[in-house]
Amino acid sequence: MPDANGSPTLDRIERALEFLPNYRVQFREEHKVLLAAQAALTDRLNKLTERVDKPLDLGSRSDDRLNALITVVDGLVRRQQ
């Protein structure tokens, strides 16, 4: 039912339009935060990808340690014979 100032539809539209400027400012702020988070996440993902893609250079160190262990065990076994 229309009131003295106009139709109920027009009143609802006017009330909705009052919220738009605040909503737009809030949306912009949230969008900035989202973009910053996305940039940080992308950076971290790129760093992680680089680390995962690097070949592990443990071969020579592991071989040296394994050879040292074999030498020690071999010496202990030969001593017991």
C-alpha atoms as a PDB file:
ATOM      1  CA  MET A   1       0.000   0.000   0.000  1.00  0.00           C
ATOM      2  CA  PRO A   2       1.493   3.364  -0.985  1.00  0.00           C
ATOM      3  CA  ASP A   3       2.158   5.925   1.689  1.00  0.00           C
ATOM      4  CA  ALA A   4       1.869   9.703   1.354  1.00  0.00           C
ATOM      5  CA  ASN A   5       5.344  10.026  -0.233  1.00  0.00           C
ATOM      6  CA  GLY A   6       5.005   7.440  -2.984  1.00  0.00           C
ATOM      7  CA  SER A   7       4.704   3.761  -3.810  1.00  0.00           C
ATOM      8  CA  PRO A   8       6.132   0.975  -1.648  1.00  0.00           C
ATOM      9  CA  THR A   9       8.206  -0.204  -4.606  1.00  0.00           C
ATOM     10  CA  LEU A  10       9.842   3.196  -4.936  1.00  0.00           C
ATOM     11  CA  ASP A  11      10.546   3.243  -1.196  1.00  0.00           C
ATOM     12  CA  ARG A  12      12.238  -0.162  -1.393  1.00  0.00           C
ATOM     13  CA  ILE A  13      14.325   0.978  -4.343  1.00  0.00           C
ATOM     14  CA  GLU A  14      15.388   4.139  -2.516  1.00  0.00           C
ATOM     15  CA  ARG A  15      16.400   2.123   0.569  1.00  0.00           C
ATOM     16  CA  ALA A  16      18.406  -0.263  -1.595  1.00  0.00           C
ATOM     17  CA  LEU A  17      20.169   2.631  -3.315  1.00  0.00           C
ATOM     18  CA  GLU A  18      21.217   4.024   0.064  1.00  0.00           C
ATOM     19  CA  PHE A  19      23.280   0.883   0.720  1.00  0.00           C
ATOM     20  CA  LEU A  20      25.086   0.848  -2.634  1.00  0.00           C
ATOM     21  CA  PRO A  21      27.829   3.424  -1.922  1.00  0.00           C
ATOM     22  CA  ASN A  22      28.821   1.701   1.330  1.00  0.00           C
ATOM     23  CA  TYR A  23      28.662  -1.699  -0.302  1.00  0.00           C
ATOM     24  CA  ARG A  24      30.898  -0.518  -3.133  1.00  0.00           C
ATOM     25  CA  VAL A  25      33.532   0.821  -0.710  1.00  0.00           C
ATOM     26  CA  GLN A  26      33.417  -2.383   1.326  1.00  0.00           C
ATOM     27  CA  PHE A  27      33.704  -4.481  -1.850  1.00  0.00           C
ATOM     28  CA  ARG A  28      36.763  -2.502  -2.994  1.00  0.00           C
ATOM     29  CA  GLU A  29      38.503  -2.988   0.362  1.00  0.00           C
ATOM     30  CA  GLU A  30      37.762  -6.702   0.425  1.00  0.00           C
ATOM     31  CA  HIS A  31      38.929  -6.981  -3.178  1.00  0.00           C
ATOM     32  CA  LYS A  32      42.272  -5.351  -2.262  1.00  0.00           C
ATOM     33  CA  VAL A  33      42.748  -7.822   0.572  1.00  0.00           C
ATOM     34  CA  LEU A  34      41.894 -10.705  -1.729  1.00  0.00           C
ATOM     35  CA  LEU A  35      44.376  -9.533  -4.373  1.00  0.00           C
ATOM     36  CA  ALA A  36      47.131  -9.181  -1.784  1.00  0.00           C
ATOM     37  CA  ALA A  37      46.425 -12.672  -0.455  1.00  0.00           C
ATOM     38  CA  GLN A  38      46.420 -14.055  -3.986  1.00  0.00           C
ATOM     39  CA  ALA A  39      49.777 -12.419  -4.737  1.00  0.00           C
ATOM     40  CA  ALA A  40      51.293 -13.808  -1.530  1.00  0.00           C
ATOM     41  CA  LEU A  41      49.901 -17.269  -2.234  1.00  0.00           C
ATOM     42  CA  THR A  42      51.233 -17.214  -5.801  1.00  0.00           C
ATOM     43  CA  ASP A  43      54.661 -16.174  -4.563  1.00  0.00           C
ATOM     44  CA  ARG A  44      54.759 -18.961  -1.976  1.00  0.00           C
ATOM     45  CA  LEU A  45      53.555 -21.501  -4.528  1.00  0.00           C
ATOM     46  CA  ASN A  46      56.292 -20.447  -6.970  1.00  0.00           C
ATOM     47  CA  LYS A  47      58.946 -20.808  -4.252  1.00  0.00           C
ATOM     48  CA  LEU A  48      57.619 -24.223  -3.294  1.00  0.00           C
ATOM     49  CA  THR A  49      57.588 -25.320  -6.928  1.00  0.00           C
ATOM     50  CA  GLU A  50      61.217 -24.235  -7.318  1.00  0.00           C
ATOM     51  CA  ARG A  51      62.220 -26.258  -4.256  1.00  0.00           C
ATOM     52  CA  VAL A  52      60.339 -29.337  -5.397  1.00  0.00           C
ATOM     53  CA  ASP A  53      61.748 -29.124  -8.923  1.00  0.00           C
ATOM     54  CA  LYS A  54      65.377 -28.874  -7.710  1.00  0.00           C
ATOM     55  CA  PRO A  55      67.173 -32.190  -7.958  1.00  0.00           C
ATOM     56  CA  LEU A  56      68.284 -33.550  -4.624  1.00  0.00           C
ATOM     57  CA  ASP A  57      72.065 -33.588  -4.422  1.00  0.00           C
ATOM     58  CA  LEU A  58      72.343 -36.192  -1.720  1.00  0.00           C
ATOM     59  CA  GLY A  59      73.885 -38.868  -3.898  1.00  0.00           C
ATOM     60  CA  SER A  60      77.578 -38.190  -3.315  1.00  0.00           C
ATOM     61  CA  ARG A  61      77.149 -37.516   0.407  1.00  0.00           C
ATOM     62  CA  SER A  62      75.048 -40.630   0.863  1.00  0.00           C
ATOM     63  CA  ASP A  63      77.514 -42.716  -1.136  1.00  0.00           C
ATOM     64  CA  ASP A  64      80.421 -41.473   0.972  1.00  0.00           C
ATOM     65  CA  ARG A  65      78.616 -42.268   4.192  1.00  0.00           C
ATOM     66  CA  LEU A  66      77.513 -45.668   2.965  1.00  0.00           C
ATOM     67  CA  ASN A  67      81.065 -46.514   1.890  1.00  0.00           C
ATOM     68  CA  ALA A  68      82.380 -45.442   5.292  1.00  0.00           C
ATOM     69  CA  LEU A  69      79.803 -47.643   7.018  1.00  0.00           C
ATOM     70  CA  ILE A  70      80.701 -50.589   4.804  1.00  0.00           C
ATOM     71  CA  THR A  71      84.379 -50.103   5.633  1.00  0.00           C
ATOM     72  CA  VAL A  72      83.667 -50.052   9.377  1.00  0.00           C
ATOM     73  CA  VAL A  73      81.411 -53.111   9.259  1.00  0.00           C
ATOM     74  CA  ASP A  74      83.860 -54.922   6.993  1.00  0.00           C
ATOM     75  CA  GLY A  75      86.668 -54.194   9.451  1.00  0.00           C
ATOM     76  CA  LEU A  76      84.609 -55.485  12.377  1.00  0.00           C
ATOM     77  CA  VAL A  77      83.651 -58.668  10.546  1.00  0.00           C
ATOM     78  CA  ARG A  78      87.222 -59.384   9.418  1.00  0.00           C
ATOM     79  CA  ARG A  79      88.507 -58.819  12.976  1.00  0.00           C
ATOM     80  CA  GLN A  80      86.097 -61.417  14.332  1.00  0.00           C
ATOM     81  CA  GLN A  81      87.246 -64.075  11.843  1.00  0.00           C
END
